[in-house]
Amino acid sequence: MVLIRKVGLQMGKILRKCVACGRYTMIHLECPECGGKTVNPHPAKFSLTDKYGKYRRQLKKMEKK
């Protein structure tokens, strides 16, 4: 079982979601149920001066096609 270091983490940053099964876990980099990779389920912070927003929107359009 792989854990993220607890030092300096905020409470909202420890929630993780498994990519494979969709199950939520706390702190684990691997899902305790299926062993899949976990990611941060929270969206990125919004910024009006988003330098990469143009590229993200282009990528999103290309994925829809």
N, C-alpha and C. Protein backbone atom coordinates (compact mmCIF):
# COMPACT_ATOMS: atom_id res chain seq x y z
N MET A 1 0.85 -1.16 0.00
CA MET A 1 0.00 0.00 0.00
C MET A 1 0.90 1.24 0.00
N VAL A 2 0.72 2.12 -0.99
CA VAL A 2 1.53 3.31 -1.12
C VAL A 2 0.76 4.50 -0.56
N LEU A 3 1.41 5.28 0.30
CA LEU A 3 0.76 6.43 0.92
C LEU A 3 1.45 7.72 0.51
N ILE A 4 0.67 8.80 0.46
CA ILE A 4 1.24 10.12 0.25
C ILE A 4 1.71 10.63 1.60
N ARG A 5 2.81 11.36 1.62
CA ARG A 5 3.30 11.91 2.89
C ARG A 5 2.28 12.90 3.43
N LYS A 6 2.00 12.84 4.71
CA LYS A 6 1.01 13.69 5.35
C LYS A 6 1.55 15.08 5.69
N VAL A 7 2.83 15.28 5.63
CA VAL A 7 3.44 16.54 6.04
C VAL A 7 3.03 17.65 5.08
N GLY A 8 2.41 18.70 5.58
CA GLY A 8 2.06 19.86 4.78
C GLY A 8 0.81 19.72 3.93
N LEU A 9 0.05 18.64 4.05
CA LEU A 9 -1.16 18.48 3.25
C LEU A 9 -2.34 19.17 3.92
N GLN A 10 -3.17 19.80 3.11
CA GLN A 10 -4.41 20.37 3.62
C GLN A 10 -5.46 19.29 3.60
N MET A 11 -6.49 19.45 4.41
CA MET A 11 -7.51 18.42 4.52
C MET A 11 -8.19 18.12 3.19
N GLY A 12 -8.45 19.14 2.37
CA GLY A 12 -9.12 18.93 1.09
C GLY A 12 -8.25 18.24 0.05
N LYS A 13 -6.96 18.16 0.28
CA LYS A 13 -6.04 17.60 -0.70
C LYS A 13 -5.79 16.11 -0.52
N ILE A 14 -6.33 15.49 0.50
CA ILE A 14 -6.02 14.08 0.74
C ILE A 14 -7.04 13.13 0.12
N LEU A 15 -8.16 13.63 -0.38
CA LEU A 15 -9.16 12.79 -1.00
C LEU A 15 -8.67 12.37 -2.39
N ARG A 16 -8.77 11.10 -2.71
CA ARG A 16 -8.32 10.55 -3.99
C ARG A 16 -9.44 9.71 -4.59
N LYS A 17 -9.48 9.57 -5.91
CA LYS A 17 -10.49 8.76 -6.59
C LYS A 17 -9.79 7.78 -7.52
N CYS A 18 -10.21 6.55 -7.49
CA CYS A 18 -9.63 5.50 -8.33
C CYS A 18 -10.11 5.68 -9.77
N VAL A 19 -9.19 5.62 -10.70
CA VAL A 19 -9.52 5.76 -12.12
C VAL A 19 -10.24 4.51 -12.62
N ALA A 20 -9.86 3.36 -12.13
CA ALA A 20 -10.41 2.10 -12.61
C ALA A 20 -11.83 1.82 -12.10
N CYS A 21 -12.03 1.91 -10.79
CA CYS A 21 -13.33 1.51 -10.23
C CYS A 21 -14.17 2.68 -9.74
N GLY A 22 -13.60 3.89 -9.64
CA GLY A 22 -14.36 5.06 -9.22
C GLY A 22 -14.53 5.19 -7.72
N ARG A 23 -13.89 4.34 -6.96
CA ARG A 23 -14.02 4.37 -5.51
C ARG A 23 -13.13 5.47 -4.92
N TYR A 24 -13.61 6.14 -3.89
CA TYR A 24 -12.85 7.18 -3.21
C TYR A 24 -12.03 6.61 -2.07
N THR A 25 -10.87 7.20 -1.82
CA THR A 25 -10.00 6.77 -0.75
C THR A 25 -9.30 7.99 -0.17
N MET A 26 -8.67 7.81 0.96
CA MET A 26 -7.93 8.90 1.59
C MET A 26 -6.44 8.58 1.55
N ILE A 27 -5.65 9.47 0.99
CA ILE A 27 -4.20 9.45 1.01
C ILE A 27 -3.56 8.38 0.11
N HIS A 28 -4.17 7.28 -0.18
CA HIS A 28 -3.55 6.18 -0.93
C HIS A 28 -3.33 6.54 -2.39
N LEU A 29 -2.15 6.23 -2.92
CA LEU A 29 -1.86 6.42 -4.33
C LEU A 29 -2.38 5.27 -5.18
N GLU A 30 -2.63 4.13 -4.54
CA GLU A 30 -3.21 2.97 -5.20
C GLU A 30 -4.53 2.65 -4.51
N CYS A 31 -5.52 2.24 -5.29
CA CYS A 31 -6.83 1.88 -4.73
C CYS A 31 -6.69 0.64 -3.86
N PRO A 32 -7.20 0.69 -2.62
CA PRO A 32 -7.10 -0.49 -1.75
C PRO A 32 -7.97 -1.65 -2.23
N GLU A 33 -8.98 -1.39 -3.05
CA GLU A 33 -9.88 -2.46 -3.53
C GLU A 33 -9.34 -3.15 -4.78
N CYS A 34 -9.02 -2.34 -5.83
CA CYS A 34 -8.63 -2.96 -7.10
C CYS A 34 -7.17 -2.76 -7.45
N GLY A 35 -6.44 -1.92 -6.71
CA GLY A 35 -5.03 -1.69 -7.00
C GLY A 35 -4.77 -0.69 -8.11
N GLY A 36 -5.84 -0.02 -8.60
CA GLY A 36 -5.70 0.94 -9.69
C GLY A 36 -5.10 2.26 -9.22
N LYS A 37 -4.73 3.11 -10.15
CA LYS A 37 -4.15 4.41 -9.87
C LYS A 37 -5.24 5.36 -9.36
N THR A 38 -4.89 6.19 -8.38
CA THR A 38 -5.84 7.19 -7.88
C THR A 38 -5.39 8.58 -8.29
N VAL A 39 -6.37 9.47 -8.49
CA VAL A 39 -6.09 10.84 -8.90
C VAL A 39 -6.85 11.80 -7.98
N ASN A 40 -6.46 13.05 -8.03
CA ASN A 40 -7.14 14.08 -7.26
C ASN A 40 -8.46 14.41 -7.95
N PRO A 41 -9.61 14.25 -7.28
CA PRO A 41 -10.90 14.48 -7.93
C PRO A 41 -11.32 15.95 -7.98
N HIS A 42 -10.57 16.82 -7.37
CA HIS A 42 -10.94 18.23 -7.31
C HIS A 42 -10.52 18.96 -8.59
N PRO A 43 -11.34 19.89 -9.08
CA PRO A 43 -10.96 20.65 -10.28
C PRO A 43 -9.84 21.63 -9.96
N ALA A 44 -9.15 22.05 -11.01
CA ALA A 44 -8.07 23.03 -10.84
C ALA A 44 -8.67 24.38 -10.45
N LYS A 45 -7.87 25.22 -9.83
CA LYS A 45 -8.33 26.55 -9.44
C LYS A 45 -8.61 27.37 -10.69
N PHE A 46 -9.66 28.21 -10.63
CA PHE A 46 -10.02 29.07 -11.74
C PHE A 46 -9.18 30.34 -11.71
N SER A 47 -8.73 30.77 -12.87
CA SER A 47 -7.97 32.00 -12.96
C SER A 47 -8.36 32.73 -14.25
N LEU A 48 -8.59 34.04 -14.15
CA LEU A 48 -8.91 34.83 -15.33
C LEU A 48 -7.71 34.96 -16.26
N THR A 49 -6.53 34.87 -15.70
CA THR A 49 -5.30 34.98 -16.50
C THR A 49 -4.73 33.60 -16.77
N ASP A 50 -5.56 32.68 -17.20
CA ASP A 50 -5.16 31.30 -17.48
C ASP A 50 -4.31 31.27 -18.75
N LYS A 51 -3.03 31.00 -18.59
CA LYS A 51 -2.11 31.00 -19.73
C LYS A 51 -2.38 29.85 -20.70
N TYR A 52 -2.89 28.74 -20.21
CA TYR A 52 -3.03 27.55 -21.03
C TYR A 52 -4.48 27.22 -21.36
N GLY A 53 -5.42 28.10 -21.04
CA GLY A 53 -6.83 27.87 -21.31
C GLY A 53 -7.13 27.67 -22.78
N LYS A 54 -6.46 28.45 -23.63
CA LYS A 54 -6.66 28.35 -25.08
C LYS A 54 -6.32 26.94 -25.56
N TYR A 55 -5.22 26.40 -25.10
CA TYR A 55 -4.79 25.07 -25.52
C TYR A 55 -5.70 23.97 -24.96
N ARG A 56 -6.17 24.14 -23.74
CA ARG A 56 -7.07 23.17 -23.14
C ARG A 56 -8.39 23.11 -23.90
N ARG A 57 -8.90 24.29 -24.32
CA ARG A 57 -10.15 24.33 -25.09
C ARG A 57 -9.97 23.71 -26.47
N GLN A 58 -8.81 23.94 -27.10
CA GLN A 58 -8.53 23.32 -28.40
C GLN A 58 -8.47 21.80 -28.27
N LEU A 59 -7.84 21.32 -27.23
CA LEU A 59 -7.74 19.88 -26.99
C LEU A 59 -9.12 19.28 -26.76
N LYS A 60 -9.96 19.98 -26.01
CA LYS A 60 -11.31 19.51 -25.73
C LYS A 60 -12.12 19.41 -27.02
N LYS A 61 -11.98 20.40 -27.93
CA LYS A 61 -12.67 20.36 -29.22
C LYS A 61 -12.20 19.19 -30.04
N MET A 62 -10.89 18.95 -30.04
CA MET A 62 -10.33 17.84 -30.83
C MET A 62 -10.80 16.50 -30.29
N GLU A 63 -10.97 16.37 -28.99
CA GLU A 63 -11.43 15.11 -28.40
C GLU A 63 -12.88 14.82 -28.74
N LYS A 64 -13.69 15.87 -28.91
CA LYS A 64 -15.11 15.68 -29.23
C LYS A 64 -15.31 15.16 -30.66
N LYS A 65 -14.36 15.48 -31.55
CA LYS A 65 -14.50 15.07 -32.97
C LYS A 65 -14.24 13.62 -33.14
